[in-house]
Amino acid sequence: MSIQHPDKRVKRTKEKFREVLLSLMEEKSLRDITITEIVKAADFNRGTFYAHYEKKEDLLDEIIEEMFEKMTEAFRKPYLHLSVVDFNEIPSNSIILFDHFSENKKFYQLMLRPTTNYHFHEKMTRRLDKLFREEFEFLTTEIDPAIDIELFITYRIHGIIGLILEWAENDFAQSSSYMGDQLIHILTFYTPKIYIKKNKE
């Protein structure tokens, strides 16, 4: 009979707690879920829970952090071995960040649901903003010198984040490949004019 490595047991225990918490959150908000409910559904005792977490929020934070690590990996993959990203050259199917969101659709829909009430929208926005600012240096050679580069960067970053959030809020209606393709077109598109819509009264 083989002896199970303690790390494997810990991993399975934590995976069960994560699975149970997310399942319970589909039915009720985090604040209405008790640790007793979690351990009962996971078929463990409270001592096992407290051996890994102080409170249920710690468990959810761990789930979120693990998902953000996967998101970061998907974010970095297209330019992992590049020094410059040329949006006119990079293939849209290399942008697998959208694949990450599509593959984890159920998780993001749950966490972005208003009733979840865990400030996930803000957490995700801050993480993506941090990634863009830390990993990209926006070239300014073709930008009007009158433009504040920091404002330009904010405009670009939050435009992309907005695309992702709206896509999620619309139930990921478009395919991830479509979103990647559209992002490339948007990043290389220049709009010197906008037209005013006529108000309908």
Protein backbone atom coordinates (compact mmCIF):
# COMPACT_ATOMS: atom_id res chain seq x y z
CA MET A 1 0.00 0.00 0.00
CA SER A 2 1.51 3.34 -1.09
CA ILE A 3 1.77 6.24 1.32
CA GLN A 4 0.13 9.44 0.11
CA HIS A 5 2.35 12.49 0.18
CA PRO A 6 0.95 15.09 2.65
CA ASP A 7 1.14 17.83 -0.01
CA LYS A 8 -1.19 15.86 -2.26
CA ARG A 9 -3.67 15.44 0.57
CA VAL A 10 -3.52 19.16 1.33
CA LYS A 11 -4.03 19.97 -2.34
CA ARG A 12 -7.08 17.70 -2.58
CA THR A 13 -8.52 19.13 0.64
CA LYS A 14 -8.13 22.70 -0.57
CA GLU A 15 -9.55 21.86 -3.98
CA LYS A 16 -12.62 20.40 -2.29
CA PHE A 17 -13.09 23.50 -0.14
CA ARG A 18 -12.77 25.72 -3.23
CA GLU A 19 -15.24 23.64 -5.21
CA VAL A 20 -17.75 23.73 -2.36
CA LEU A 21 -17.44 27.46 -1.73
CA LEU A 22 -17.97 28.38 -5.38
CA SER A 23 -20.92 26.00 -5.55
CA LEU A 24 -22.51 27.60 -2.47
CA MET A 25 -21.89 31.07 -3.91
CA GLU A 26 -24.07 30.18 -6.88
CA GLU A 27 -26.96 29.96 -4.43
CA LYS A 28 -26.22 32.74 -1.94
CA SER A 29 -23.83 35.61 -1.19
CA LEU A 30 -20.55 35.02 0.61
CA ARG A 31 -21.73 36.81 3.74
CA ASP A 32 -24.64 34.35 4.08
CA ILE A 33 -22.41 31.27 3.80
CA THR A 34 -21.15 29.80 7.06
CA ILE A 35 -18.00 27.80 7.67
CA THR A 36 -20.24 25.04 9.04
CA GLU A 37 -21.97 24.84 5.64
CA ILE A 38 -18.64 24.70 3.86
CA VAL A 39 -17.15 21.90 5.97
CA LYS A 40 -20.38 19.90 5.93
CA ALA A 41 -20.67 20.05 2.14
CA ALA A 42 -16.95 19.24 1.79
CA ASP A 43 -17.29 16.33 4.26
CA PHE A 44 -14.56 17.65 6.55
CA ASN A 45 -14.60 19.00 10.09
CA ARG A 46 -14.06 22.59 11.21
CA GLY A 47 -10.56 21.74 12.45
CA THR A 48 -9.54 20.80 8.93
CA PHE A 49 -10.82 24.10 7.62
CA TYR A 50 -9.01 26.12 10.28
CA ALA A 51 -5.80 24.23 9.61
CA HIS A 52 -5.70 26.05 6.25
CA TYR A 53 -7.78 29.22 6.64
CA GLU A 54 -8.74 31.65 9.37
CA LYS A 55 -11.98 32.67 7.66
CA LYS A 56 -14.02 31.98 4.52
CA GLU A 57 -12.72 35.18 2.92
CA ASP A 58 -9.19 33.72 3.03
CA LEU A 59 -10.43 30.73 1.04
CA LEU A 60 -12.06 32.96 -1.58
CA ASP A 61 -8.97 35.19 -1.77
CA GLU A 62 -6.86 32.09 -2.46
CA ILE A 63 -9.23 31.03 -5.26
CA ILE A 64 -9.08 34.51 -6.79
CA GLU A 65 -5.29 34.72 -6.53
CA GLU A 66 -4.88 31.36 -8.24
CA MET A 67 -7.16 32.50 -11.07
CA PHE A 68 -5.25 35.77 -11.40
CA GLU A 69 -2.01 33.81 -11.69
CA LYS A 70 -3.53 31.89 -14.61
CA MET A 71 -4.74 35.18 -16.08
CA THR A 72 -1.22 36.61 -15.79
CA GLU A 73 0.24 33.60 -17.58
CA ALA A 74 -2.25 34.03 -20.44
CA PHE A 75 -1.55 37.78 -20.51
CA ARG A 76 2.21 37.24 -20.90
CA LYS A 77 2.26 34.34 -23.32
CA PRO A 78 2.04 36.28 -26.65
CA TYR A 79 5.14 38.37 -25.89
CA LEU A 80 7.09 35.96 -23.67
CA HIS A 81 10.11 35.95 -26.02
CA LEU A 82 9.64 39.37 -27.61
CA SER A 83 11.23 42.73 -26.88
CA VAL A 84 8.69 44.71 -28.93
CA VAL A 85 5.03 44.02 -29.73
CA ASP A 86 4.02 45.31 -33.15
CA PHE A 87 0.22 45.25 -33.37
CA ASN A 88 0.49 45.23 -37.16
CA GLU A 89 2.52 42.03 -37.03
CA ILE A 90 1.28 40.02 -34.05
CA PRO A 91 -1.34 37.36 -35.00
CA SER A 92 -4.64 37.81 -33.21
CA ASN A 93 -4.81 34.10 -32.30
CA SER A 94 -1.70 34.57 -30.16
CA ILE A 95 -3.68 36.74 -27.74
CA ILE A 96 -4.83 33.95 -25.45
CA LEU A 97 -5.97 36.27 -22.65
CA PHE A 98 -9.47 36.05 -24.10
CA ASP A 99 -9.17 32.25 -24.16
CA HIS A 100 -8.43 32.34 -20.44
CA PHE A 101 -11.64 34.25 -19.70
CA SER A 102 -13.67 32.02 -22.01
CA GLU A 103 -12.29 28.82 -20.46
CA ASN A 104 -13.08 30.15 -16.97
CA LYS A 105 -16.38 31.71 -17.97
CA LYS A 106 -18.36 30.22 -15.08
CA PHE A 107 -15.96 31.59 -12.47
CA TYR A 108 -15.87 35.12 -13.90
CA GLN A 109 -19.64 35.27 -14.36
CA LEU A 110 -20.10 34.24 -10.74
CA MET A 111 -17.54 36.68 -9.37
CA LEU A 112 -18.76 39.61 -11.47
CA ARG A 113 -22.39 39.02 -10.51
CA PRO A 114 -23.68 41.99 -8.44
CA THR A 115 -25.00 39.69 -5.71
CA THR A 116 -21.52 38.26 -5.11
CA ASN A 117 -20.60 41.63 -3.59
CA TYR A 118 -16.88 41.00 -3.10
CA HIS A 119 -15.45 43.94 -5.09
CA PHE A 120 -14.15 41.50 -7.69
CA HIS A 121 -14.65 44.01 -10.51
CA GLU A 122 -12.23 46.38 -8.77
CA LYS A 123 -9.78 43.60 -7.88
CA MET A 124 -9.59 42.40 -11.47
CA THR A 125 -9.30 45.92 -12.86
CA ARG A 126 -6.43 46.73 -10.47
CA ARG A 127 -4.60 43.50 -11.33
CA LEU A 128 -4.86 44.05 -15.09
CA ASP A 129 -3.90 47.72 -14.74
CA LYS A 130 -0.83 46.67 -12.72
CA LEU A 131 0.17 44.11 -15.37
CA PHE A 132 -0.06 46.59 -18.23
CA ARG A 133 1.89 49.29 -16.40
CA GLU A 134 4.62 46.99 -15.12
CA GLU A 135 5.16 44.98 -18.29
CA PHE A 136 4.63 47.41 -21.17
CA GLU A 137 6.45 50.58 -22.11
CA PHE A 138 4.34 52.54 -24.55
CA LEU A 139 6.40 54.07 -27.36
CA THR A 140 5.85 57.77 -27.93
CA THR A 141 7.62 58.35 -31.25
CA GLU A 142 4.41 58.85 -33.20
CA ILE A 143 2.36 60.49 -30.49
CA ASP A 144 1.55 64.19 -30.41
CA PRO A 145 4.00 65.70 -27.91
CA ALA A 146 1.11 67.61 -26.38
CA ILE A 147 -0.38 64.34 -25.14
CA ASP A 148 0.23 63.42 -21.51
CA ILE A 149 1.70 59.93 -21.92
CA GLU A 150 0.41 58.77 -18.52
CA LEU A 151 -3.13 59.73 -19.48
CA PHE A 152 -2.65 58.02 -22.84
CA ILE A 153 -1.52 54.83 -21.10
CA THR A 154 -4.52 54.94 -18.75
CA TYR A 155 -6.84 55.44 -21.74
CA ARG A 156 -5.36 52.43 -23.55
CA ILE A 157 -5.28 50.14 -20.51
CA HIS A 158 -8.79 50.83 -19.31
CA GLY A 159 -10.16 50.61 -22.83
CA ILE A 160 -8.90 47.02 -23.02
CA ILE A 161 -10.16 46.21 -19.52
CA GLY A 162 -13.53 47.68 -20.50
CA LEU A 163 -13.71 45.36 -23.51
CA ILE A 164 -13.10 42.33 -21.29
CA LEU A 165 -15.63 43.38 -18.66
CA GLU A 166 -18.36 44.17 -21.18
CA TRP A 167 -17.69 40.86 -22.94
CA ALA A 168 -18.14 39.05 -19.61
CA GLU A 169 -21.28 41.04 -18.77
CA ASN A 170 -22.72 40.08 -22.18
CA ASP A 171 -22.29 36.39 -21.35
CA PHE A 172 -19.16 36.04 -23.53
CA ALA A 173 -21.38 36.26 -26.60
CA GLN A 174 -18.50 36.55 -29.07
CA SER A 175 -15.76 33.94 -29.44
CA SER A 176 -12.34 34.53 -27.87
CA SER A 177 -10.76 34.52 -31.36
CA TYR A 178 -13.19 37.25 -32.47
CA MET A 179 -12.30 39.34 -29.41
CA GLY A 180 -8.57 38.93 -30.05
CA ASP A 181 -8.99 39.93 -33.67
CA GLN A 182 -11.08 42.96 -32.73
CA LEU A 183 -8.56 44.07 -30.12
CA ILE A 184 -5.77 44.10 -32.71
CA HIS A 185 -7.92 46.15 -35.10
CA ILE A 186 -8.90 48.56 -32.33
CA LEU A 187 -5.31 49.07 -31.18
CA THR A 188 -4.20 49.95 -34.70
CA PHE A 189 -7.22 52.10 -35.55
CA TYR A 190 -7.13 55.88 -35.58
CA THR A 191 -10.28 57.98 -35.22
CA PRO A 192 -9.70 61.71 -35.77
CA LYS A 193 -13.43 62.45 -35.89
CA ILE A 194 -16.60 61.37 -34.14
CA TYR A 195 -20.15 62.19 -35.20
CA ILE A 196 -22.89 63.39 -32.94
CA LYS A 197 -25.98 61.24 -32.72
CA LYS A 198 -29.22 63.14 -33.18
CA ASN A 199 -31.34 63.13 -30.05
CA LYS A 200 -34.69 61.47 -30.52
CA GLU A 201 -37.40 63.40 -28.79
